[in-house]
Amino acid sequence: MENIREGLIPTVLGTAVTTAGIVMKQNRRINSMISNTVFGFGLAHIVLGAIDLVEHRNK
């Protein structure tokens, strides 16, 4: 578990949540505000995880 780079888990989690948001957008029965919120939450995780990956790439 120590070999996992800092920021990798939030980036992978963000990718999964963003994908879920995209799938929710395709379904017309789900409120668009909810699907957009899930999509944005996933994108935020990707950005923050990528920042951690870049910031700690030499450690």
N, C-alpha and C. Protein backbone atom coordinates (compact mmCIF):
# COMPACT_ATOMS: atom_id res chain seq x y z
N MET A 1 0.82 -1.19 0.00
CA MET A 1 0.00 0.00 0.00
C MET A 1 0.86 1.26 0.00
N GLU A 2 2.11 1.14 0.42
CA GLU A 2 2.99 2.30 0.47
C GLU A 2 3.47 2.72 -0.91
N ASN A 3 3.33 1.87 -1.91
CA ASN A 3 3.83 2.19 -3.24
C ASN A 3 2.86 3.01 -4.06
N ILE A 4 1.65 3.25 -3.55
CA ILE A 4 0.66 4.03 -4.29
C ILE A 4 1.01 5.51 -4.17
N ARG A 5 1.12 6.17 -5.31
CA ARG A 5 1.47 7.59 -5.30
C ARG A 5 0.34 8.42 -4.74
N GLU A 6 0.73 9.48 -4.03
CA GLU A 6 -0.27 10.38 -3.46
C GLU A 6 -1.01 11.08 -4.59
N GLY A 7 -2.32 11.04 -4.54
CA GLY A 7 -3.16 11.65 -5.57
C GLY A 7 -3.74 10.66 -6.55
N LEU A 8 -3.22 9.44 -6.55
CA LEU A 8 -3.72 8.45 -7.51
C LEU A 8 -5.13 7.98 -7.15
N ILE A 9 -5.39 7.76 -5.88
CA ILE A 9 -6.71 7.29 -5.46
C ILE A 9 -7.79 8.34 -5.75
N PRO A 10 -7.59 9.63 -5.41
CA PRO A 10 -8.63 10.61 -5.77
C PRO A 10 -8.84 10.74 -7.28
N THR A 11 -7.78 10.58 -8.05
CA THR A 11 -7.91 10.67 -9.50
C THR A 11 -8.74 9.51 -10.05
N VAL A 12 -8.47 8.31 -9.58
CA VAL A 12 -9.22 7.13 -10.03
C VAL A 12 -10.67 7.23 -9.56
N LEU A 13 -10.86 7.63 -8.31
CA LEU A 13 -12.21 7.81 -7.78
C LEU A 13 -12.97 8.87 -8.58
N GLY A 14 -12.30 9.96 -8.89
CA GLY A 14 -12.93 11.02 -9.68
C GLY A 14 -13.31 10.55 -11.08
N THR A 15 -12.50 9.70 -11.67
CA THR A 15 -12.82 9.16 -12.98
C THR A 15 -14.09 8.31 -12.91
N ALA A 16 -14.20 7.50 -11.86
CA ALA A 16 -15.39 6.66 -11.70
C ALA A 16 -16.63 7.51 -11.46
N VAL A 17 -16.51 8.54 -10.63
CA VAL A 17 -17.66 9.39 -10.31
C VAL A 17 -18.06 10.22 -11.54
N THR A 18 -17.09 10.69 -12.30
CA THR A 18 -17.39 11.44 -13.52
C THR A 18 -18.11 10.55 -14.53
N THR A 19 -17.67 9.31 -14.65
CA THR A 19 -18.33 8.37 -15.54
C THR A 19 -19.77 8.12 -15.10
N ALA A 20 -19.96 7.99 -13.79
CA ALA A 20 -21.32 7.81 -13.27
C ALA A 20 -22.19 9.03 -13.59
N GLY A 21 -21.61 10.22 -13.49
CA GLY A 21 -22.35 11.44 -13.82
C GLY A 21 -22.75 11.49 -15.29
N ILE A 22 -21.85 11.03 -16.15
CA ILE A 22 -22.16 11.00 -17.59
C ILE A 22 -23.29 10.01 -17.86
N VAL A 23 -23.22 8.85 -17.22
CA VAL A 23 -24.28 7.84 -17.39
C VAL A 23 -25.61 8.39 -16.87
N MET A 24 -25.57 9.09 -15.75
CA MET A 24 -26.79 9.67 -15.20
C MET A 24 -27.37 10.74 -16.13
N LYS A 25 -26.52 11.47 -16.84
CA LYS A 25 -27.00 12.48 -17.79
C LYS A 25 -27.76 11.84 -18.95
N GLN A 26 -27.38 10.62 -19.30
CA GLN A 26 -28.04 9.92 -20.40
C GLN A 26 -29.44 9.47 -20.03
N ASN A 27 -29.67 9.25 -18.74
CA ASN A 27 -30.96 8.78 -18.26
C ASN A 27 -31.87 9.98 -18.01
N ARG A 28 -32.93 10.10 -18.73
CA ARG A 28 -33.82 11.27 -18.63
C ARG A 28 -34.68 11.27 -17.36
N ARG A 29 -34.79 10.13 -16.67
CA ARG A 29 -35.62 10.06 -15.48
C ARG A 29 -34.94 10.70 -14.27
N ILE A 30 -33.63 10.86 -14.33
CA ILE A 30 -32.88 11.43 -13.20
C ILE A 30 -32.80 12.94 -13.39
N ASN A 31 -33.00 13.67 -12.30
CA ASN A 31 -32.95 15.12 -12.32
C ASN A 31 -31.59 15.59 -12.85
N SER A 32 -31.59 16.54 -13.77
CA SER A 32 -30.35 17.01 -14.38
C SER A 32 -29.44 17.71 -13.37
N MET A 33 -30.01 18.34 -12.36
CA MET A 33 -29.19 19.00 -11.35
C MET A 33 -28.36 17.97 -10.56
N ILE A 34 -28.96 16.83 -10.28
CA ILE A 34 -28.24 15.78 -9.56
C ILE A 34 -27.12 15.21 -10.42
N SER A 35 -27.41 14.94 -11.68
CA SER A 35 -26.38 14.37 -12.55
C SER A 35 -25.25 15.37 -12.79
N ASN A 36 -25.56 16.65 -12.91
CA ASN A 36 -24.53 17.66 -13.08
C ASN A 36 -23.67 17.81 -11.82
N THR A 37 -24.29 17.67 -10.66
CA THR A 37 -23.55 17.74 -9.40
C THR A 37 -22.59 16.57 -9.27
N VAL A 38 -23.04 15.37 -9.59
CA VAL A 38 -22.17 14.20 -9.54
C VAL A 38 -21.03 14.34 -10.54
N PHE A 39 -21.33 14.82 -11.72
CA PHE A 39 -20.32 15.04 -12.75
C PHE A 39 -19.27 16.04 -12.29
N GLY A 40 -19.71 17.16 -11.73
CA GLY A 40 -18.79 18.18 -11.24
C GLY A 40 -17.96 17.70 -10.07
N PHE A 41 -18.57 16.94 -9.17
CA PHE A 41 -17.85 16.38 -8.03
C PHE A 41 -16.73 15.46 -8.52
N GLY A 42 -17.02 14.67 -9.53
CA GLY A 42 -15.99 13.79 -10.10
C GLY A 42 -14.87 14.57 -10.75
N LEU A 43 -15.21 15.62 -11.50
CA LEU A 43 -14.18 16.44 -12.13
C LEU A 43 -13.30 17.12 -11.09
N ALA A 44 -13.89 17.56 -10.00
CA ALA A 44 -13.10 18.19 -8.93
C ALA A 44 -12.10 17.20 -8.34
N HIS A 45 -12.52 15.94 -8.16
CA HIS A 45 -11.60 14.93 -7.65
C HIS A 45 -10.46 14.67 -8.62
N ILE A 46 -10.77 14.66 -9.91
CA ILE A 46 -9.72 14.44 -10.91
C ILE A 46 -8.71 15.57 -10.86
N VAL A 47 -9.19 16.81 -10.80
CA VAL A 47 -8.28 17.96 -10.77
C VAL A 47 -7.42 17.95 -9.51
N LEU A 48 -8.04 17.74 -8.35
CA LEU A 48 -7.28 17.75 -7.10
C LEU A 48 -6.30 16.57 -7.03
N GLY A 49 -6.70 15.42 -7.53
CA GLY A 49 -5.79 14.28 -7.57
C GLY A 49 -4.62 14.51 -8.52
N ALA A 50 -4.90 15.13 -9.65
CA ALA A 50 -3.83 15.43 -10.61
C ALA A 50 -2.85 16.45 -10.03
N ILE A 51 -3.36 17.41 -9.28
CA ILE A 51 -2.48 18.38 -8.63
C ILE A 51 -1.55 17.67 -7.65
N ASP A 52 -2.10 16.75 -6.87
CA ASP A 52 -1.27 15.98 -5.93
C ASP A 52 -0.24 15.13 -6.67
N LEU A 53 -0.64 14.52 -7.77
CA LEU A 53 0.30 13.70 -8.53
C LEU A 53 1.46 14.53 -9.06
N VAL A 54 1.18 15.71 -9.56
CA VAL A 54 2.23 16.58 -10.10
C VAL A 54 3.08 17.15 -8.97
N GLU A 55 2.45 17.52 -7.88
CA GLU A 55 3.16 18.13 -6.77
C GLU A 55 4.11 17.15 -6.09
N HIS A 56 3.76 15.89 -6.02
CA HIS A 56 4.55 14.90 -5.31
C HIS A 56 5.18 13.87 -6.25
N ARG A 57 5.49 14.27 -7.46
CA ARG A 57 5.99 13.29 -8.43
C ARG A 57 7.41 12.83 -8.13
N ASN A 58 8.20 13.61 -7.41
CA ASN A 58 9.59 13.23 -7.14
C ASN A 58 9.76 12.55 -5.79
N LYS A 59 8.70 12.38 -5.05
CA LYS A 59 8.82 11.80 -3.71
C LYS A 59 8.53 10.32 -3.72
